[in-house]
Amino acid sequence: MPTIPPERAPLSDHSAPAPHQHREMAESFGSDAERYDRARPRYPDALVERIVAGSPGPDVLDVGCGTGIASRQFRAAGCRVLGVDADARMAGFARRDGLRAEVAPFESWDAGGRSFDAVVAAQTWHWIDPVAGAAKAASVLRPGGRLAVFWNVFRPSPEVAEVFAGIHRRVMPDAPVNPWAADASEGPLWARAADGMRRAGAFGEPERWSVGWERPYSRDEWLDQLPTSGLAGRLAPSALRELLTRTGAAVDAMGGGFTMRYAAVAVTAAIRTD
């Protein structure tokens, strides 16, 4: 499996603030937890199963568990799952389905002496300080335990990417990143996670695991998930309406739906045993 080269820029580079320095964006998702749980994409079973197989046992801590999307998938794979989330609204939603979820920022969460076979984070690790988070994970992992942080990454067709990039530029011209632009890259995100694991000093060399998958979307399904992104969720109401109107018209022009390709990418490392 490929390892991940160290990130060139230091983690403390103030010229480009890391996402975890703007955690208030992450803590805004609970304002519409129902939509978040309904519309956000799940993760491929193959990735969940690989993480489970690479861990020494079934006890999983889900960091930034949100409404419990990944927690439910790990539970279905036979794991005993505890979630932790900084947003009480999201944790409360997760508990509706019988999941255990505690409320605290992960870096300051009190494990109370508990330990786990795997610490996972689905679409949330960029909101965690990468070094402090990796060190905290190491402190609660059992011998041979695994830290696995993963994201669904858009891999649209060139035609879809071009249309969505143009809408993004028009509606959000000052956004720090255009996720649909040809030069957009998640590389720094993965490198930051891997360097955090290295700097924690407790893990073996991080690896990157990737599973490709795809999902067809109708117009309404795509518009339903748009406000659940960190950038769109913070738009002024008028700008959000424009984003939805222009995107809806674009999907209508595609025939009322399209297929989005994804890569589910994990950065993962096991506790060193030497």
Protein backbone atom coordinates (compact mmCIF):
# COMPACT_ATOMS: atom_id res chain seq x y z
CA MET A 1 0.00 0.00 0.00
CA PRO A 2 1.27 3.53 -0.72
CA THR A 3 2.73 5.51 2.10
CA ILE A 4 2.26 9.26 2.26
CA PRO A 5 5.21 11.66 1.96
CA PRO A 6 5.51 14.33 4.63
CA GLU A 7 3.74 17.60 3.95
CA ARG A 8 6.17 20.29 2.87
CA ALA A 9 4.53 23.12 4.76
CA PRO A 10 4.66 22.98 8.57
CA LEU A 11 1.42 22.26 10.36
CA SER A 12 1.67 25.62 12.06
CA ASP A 13 1.86 27.58 8.79
CA HIS A 14 -0.33 30.60 9.55
CA SER A 15 -0.48 31.72 5.93
CA ALA A 16 -2.96 28.93 5.21
CA PRO A 17 -5.06 28.20 8.30
CA ALA A 18 -5.86 24.53 8.78
CA PRO A 19 -9.53 23.55 8.93
CA HIS A 20 -9.34 22.64 12.63
CA GLN A 21 -8.63 26.32 13.34
CA HIS A 22 -12.17 27.08 12.12
CA ARG A 23 -14.03 24.42 14.08
CA GLU A 24 -17.12 26.62 14.40
CA MET A 25 -17.88 25.61 10.80
CA ALA A 26 -18.00 21.95 11.78
CA GLU A 27 -20.15 22.73 14.78
CA SER A 28 -22.79 24.36 12.54
CA PHE A 29 -23.87 21.05 10.97
CA GLY A 30 -26.18 20.17 13.85
CA SER A 31 -28.57 22.97 12.87
CA ASP A 32 -30.09 20.54 10.36
CA ALA A 33 -29.09 17.10 11.59
CA GLU A 34 -32.03 15.43 9.86
CA ARG A 35 -30.88 16.65 6.44
CA TYR A 36 -27.26 15.79 7.21
CA ASP A 37 -28.11 12.21 8.08
CA ARG A 38 -30.48 11.82 5.14
CA ALA A 39 -28.37 13.37 2.42
CA ARG A 40 -24.72 12.72 3.23
CA PRO A 41 -23.20 9.79 1.31
CA ARG A 42 -22.28 6.61 3.13
CA TYR A 43 -18.92 4.83 2.83
CA PRO A 44 -18.12 1.71 0.81
CA ASP A 45 -18.46 -1.50 2.81
CA ALA A 46 -15.09 -2.64 1.45
CA LEU A 47 -13.32 0.19 3.28
CA VAL A 48 -15.18 -0.42 6.55
CA GLU A 49 -14.41 -4.15 6.33
CA ARG A 50 -10.74 -3.49 5.68
CA ILE A 51 -10.43 -1.25 8.72
CA VAL A 52 -12.17 -3.85 10.86
CA ALA A 53 -9.94 -6.62 9.52
CA GLY A 54 -6.83 -4.53 10.22
CA SER A 55 -7.77 -3.93 13.86
CA PRO A 56 -7.15 -6.35 16.75
CA GLY A 57 -10.74 -6.42 18.00
CA PRO A 58 -14.28 -5.05 17.63
CA ASP A 59 -14.22 -1.99 19.91
CA VAL A 60 -14.35 1.19 17.81
CA LEU A 61 -14.26 4.86 18.80
CA ASP A 62 -15.85 7.08 16.15
CA VAL A 63 -14.43 10.62 16.37
CA GLY A 64 -16.78 13.31 15.15
CA CYS A 65 -19.50 10.70 14.87
CA GLY A 66 -22.11 13.27 13.82
CA THR A 67 -25.49 11.65 13.29
CA GLY A 68 -23.92 8.20 13.32
CA ILE A 69 -23.55 7.49 9.61
CA ALA A 70 -20.20 5.67 9.88
CA SER A 71 -20.99 4.38 13.38
CA ARG A 72 -23.96 2.46 12.03
CA GLN A 73 -21.82 0.95 9.28
CA PHE A 74 -19.21 -0.24 11.76
CA ARG A 75 -21.96 -1.60 14.02
CA ALA A 76 -23.38 -3.51 11.04
CA ALA A 77 -19.90 -4.96 10.50
CA GLY A 78 -20.01 -6.48 14.00
CA CYS A 79 -18.27 -3.75 16.00
CA ARG A 80 -19.11 -2.23 19.37
CA VAL A 81 -19.06 1.50 18.68
CA LEU A 82 -18.78 4.57 20.90
CA GLY A 83 -19.10 7.96 19.25
CA VAL A 84 -17.83 11.33 20.41
CA ASP A 85 -18.88 14.63 18.86
CA ALA A 86 -18.51 18.28 19.80
CA ASP A 87 -22.11 19.05 18.77
CA ALA A 88 -24.76 17.86 21.22
CA ARG A 89 -27.42 18.04 18.50
CA MET A 90 -25.56 15.62 16.27
CA ALA A 91 -24.77 13.25 19.14
CA GLY A 92 -28.41 13.36 20.21
CA PHE A 93 -29.50 12.34 16.71
CA ALA A 94 -27.05 9.41 16.77
CA ARG A 95 -28.52 8.18 20.05
CA ARG A 96 -31.97 7.90 18.44
CA ASP A 97 -30.75 4.77 16.66
CA GLY A 98 -29.36 3.20 19.81
CA LEU A 99 -25.79 4.37 19.32
CA ARG A 100 -23.71 5.46 22.27
CA ALA A 101 -22.44 9.01 21.75
CA GLU A 102 -20.71 11.42 24.13
CA VAL A 103 -20.35 15.18 23.69
CA ALA A 104 -16.91 16.81 23.77
CA PRO A 105 -14.16 18.04 21.47
CA PHE A 106 -12.04 14.95 20.89
CA GLU A 107 -8.77 16.52 22.01
CA SER A 108 -10.24 17.26 25.47
CA TRP A 109 -12.61 14.28 25.71
CA ASP A 110 -12.22 12.19 28.88
CA ALA A 111 -11.86 8.51 27.98
CA GLY A 112 -12.33 7.51 31.61
CA GLY A 113 -9.80 4.71 31.33
CA ARG A 114 -11.52 3.07 28.38
CA SER A 115 -9.53 1.68 25.45
CA PHE A 116 -10.35 0.67 21.88
CA ASP A 117 -9.14 -1.51 19.04
CA ALA A 118 -9.70 1.17 16.40
CA VAL A 119 -10.19 4.92 16.38
CA VAL A 120 -11.93 6.10 13.21
CA ALA A 121 -13.02 9.47 11.85
CA ALA A 122 -15.29 9.71 8.82
CA GLN A 123 -15.21 13.07 7.03
CA THR A 124 -14.20 14.82 10.28
CA TRP A 125 -10.45 14.56 10.95
CA HIS A 126 -9.74 17.89 9.23
CA TRP A 127 -11.66 19.52 12.10
CA ILE A 128 -9.26 17.92 14.62
CA ASP A 129 -5.79 19.20 15.46
CA PRO A 130 -3.77 16.56 13.57
CA VAL A 131 -1.01 16.13 16.15
CA ALA A 132 -3.09 16.45 19.32
CA GLY A 133 -5.77 14.24 17.78
CA ALA A 134 -3.30 11.50 16.82
CA ALA A 135 -1.73 11.64 20.27
CA LYS A 136 -5.16 11.35 21.90
CA ALA A 137 -6.02 8.41 19.67
CA ALA A 138 -2.76 6.70 20.59
CA SER A 139 -3.56 7.15 24.29
CA VAL A 140 -6.80 5.13 24.00
CA LEU A 141 -5.72 2.45 21.51
CA ARG A 142 -4.89 -1.06 22.64
CA PRO A 143 -1.68 -2.79 21.50
CA GLY A 144 -1.85 -3.21 17.74
CA GLY A 145 -4.78 -0.80 17.56
CA ARG A 146 -5.42 1.25 14.43
CA LEU A 147 -6.18 4.89 13.69
CA ALA A 148 -8.08 5.24 10.41
CA VAL A 149 -9.33 8.63 9.21
CA PHE A 150 -11.17 8.77 5.92
CA TRP A 151 -13.08 10.97 3.53
CA ASN A 152 -15.37 10.62 0.55
CA VAL A 153 -13.73 12.64 -2.24
CA PHE A 154 -15.63 13.79 -5.32
CA ARG A 155 -14.36 12.36 -8.61
CA PRO A 156 -16.85 13.88 -11.10
CA SER A 157 -16.72 13.55 -14.84
CA PRO A 158 -14.92 16.48 -16.55
CA GLU A 159 -18.25 17.80 -17.83
CA VAL A 160 -19.89 17.83 -14.40
CA ALA A 161 -16.78 19.31 -12.79
CA GLU A 162 -16.67 22.18 -15.30
CA VAL A 163 -20.32 23.11 -14.76
CA PHE A 164 -20.14 22.94 -10.95
CA ALA A 165 -16.83 24.83 -10.85
CA GLY A 166 -18.38 27.69 -12.80
CA ILE A 167 -21.36 27.89 -10.44
CA HIS A 168 -19.04 27.82 -7.44
CA ARG A 169 -16.94 30.67 -8.84
CA ARG A 170 -20.03 32.78 -9.48
CA VAL A 171 -21.75 32.21 -6.13
CA MET A 172 -18.68 31.92 -3.88
CA PRO A 173 -15.95 33.97 -5.59
CA ASP A 174 -14.10 34.55 -2.30
CA ALA A 175 -14.19 30.94 -1.05
CA PRO A 176 -10.74 29.66 -0.09
CA VAL A 177 -11.07 26.63 -2.35
CA ASN A 178 -13.18 25.57 -5.31
CA PRO A 179 -13.63 21.79 -4.89
CA TRP A 180 -14.64 21.42 -8.54
CA ALA A 181 -11.64 23.24 -10.05
CA ALA A 182 -9.20 21.23 -12.13
CA ASP A 183 -6.34 22.16 -9.83
CA ALA A 184 -8.17 21.31 -6.59
CA SER A 185 -6.31 18.70 -4.56
CA GLU A 186 -6.94 16.83 -1.34
CA GLY A 187 -3.21 16.02 -1.05
CA PRO A 188 -2.51 18.53 1.74
CA LEU A 189 -5.45 17.13 3.72
CA TRP A 190 -4.03 13.62 3.58
CA ALA A 191 -0.47 14.79 4.20
CA ARG A 192 -1.55 16.78 7.27
CA ALA A 193 -3.26 13.70 8.72
CA ALA A 194 -0.25 11.50 8.02
CA ASP A 195 2.23 14.00 9.47
CA GLY A 196 0.10 14.27 12.60
CA MET A 197 0.36 10.51 13.05
CA ARG A 198 4.12 10.64 12.54
CA ARG A 199 4.58 13.51 14.97
CA ALA A 200 2.53 11.78 17.64
CA GLY A 201 5.44 9.32 17.80
CA ALA A 202 3.34 6.24 18.54
CA PHE A 203 2.37 4.89 15.12
CA GLY A 204 3.96 2.97 12.33
CA GLU A 205 4.29 4.58 8.91
CA PRO A 206 0.89 5.84 7.68
CA GLU A 207 -0.65 4.31 4.58
CA ARG A 208 -3.32 5.51 2.18
CA TRP A 209 -6.13 3.15 1.30
CA SER A 210 -8.59 4.06 -1.45
CA VAL A 211 -11.84 2.49 -2.62
CA GLY A 212 -13.66 3.85 -5.67
CA TRP A 213 -17.43 3.87 -5.82
CA GLU A 214 -20.26 5.82 -7.41
CA ARG A 215 -23.81 6.95 -6.72
CA PRO A 216 -26.56 8.16 -9.06
CA TYR A 217 -28.27 11.39 -7.97
CA SER A 218 -31.56 12.88 -8.99
CA ARG A 219 -31.83 16.66 -9.08
CA ASP A 220 -33.62 16.76 -5.71
CA GLU A 221 -31.15 14.38 -4.05
CA TRP A 222 -28.18 16.48 -5.13
CA LEU A 223 -29.79 19.72 -3.99
CA ASP A 224 -30.70 18.10 -0.66
CA GLN A 225 -27.06 17.40 0.18
CA LEU A 226 -25.58 20.69 -1.03
CA PRO A 227 -26.31 22.68 2.17
CA THR A 228 -24.58 20.00 4.28
CA SER A 229 -21.12 21.05 3.07
CA GLY A 230 -19.08 23.33 5.30
CA LEU A 231 -18.84 26.11 2.72
CA ALA A 232 -22.42 26.08 1.47
CA GLY A 233 -23.80 25.74 4.96
CA ARG A 234 -22.31 29.11 5.92
CA LEU A 235 -23.64 31.05 2.94
CA ALA A 236 -26.07 33.92 3.42
CA PRO A 237 -29.64 32.79 2.62
CA SER A 238 -29.68 34.71 -0.67
CA ALA A 239 -26.39 33.15 -1.81
CA LEU A 240 -27.56 29.68 -0.83
CA ARG A 241 -30.74 30.18 -2.85
CA GLU A 242 -28.67 31.23 -5.84
CA LEU A 243 -26.41 28.19 -5.45
CA LEU A 244 -29.40 25.85 -5.32
CA THR A 245 -31.19 27.55 -8.22
CA ARG A 246 -28.17 27.52 -10.52
CA THR A 247 -27.20 23.98 -9.58
CA GLY A 248 -30.75 22.73 -10.05
CA ALA A 249 -30.87 24.27 -13.51
CA ALA A 250 -27.53 22.66 -14.36
CA VAL A 251 -28.71 19.21 -13.28
CA ASP A 252 -31.93 19.70 -15.23
CA ALA A 253 -29.76 20.37 -18.28
CA MET A 254 -28.00 17.05 -17.64
CA GLY A 255 -31.34 15.28 -17.96
CA GLY A 256 -32.50 15.63 -14.37
CA GLY A 257 -29.78 13.56 -12.78
CA PHE A 258 -26.21 12.33 -13.03
CA THR A 259 -23.81 9.83 -11.49
CA MET A 260 -21.16 11.11 -9.08
CA ARG A 261 -18.00 9.09 -8.81
CA TYR A 262 -16.24 9.06 -5.43
CA ALA A 263 -13.02 7.79 -3.92
CA ALA A 264 -13.22 6.87 -0.24
CA VAL A 265 -9.68 7.59 0.94
CA ALA A 266 -8.31 6.52 4.31
CA VAL A 267 -5.10 7.62 5.99
CA THR A 268 -4.30 4.90 8.50
CA ALA A 269 -1.58 3.64 10.82
CA ALA A 270 -1.32 1.06 13.56
CA ILE A 271 0.23 1.58 16.98
CA ARG A 272 3.89 0.60 16.91
CA THR A 273 4.70 -2.61 18.74
CA ASP A 274 8.51 -2.18 18.91
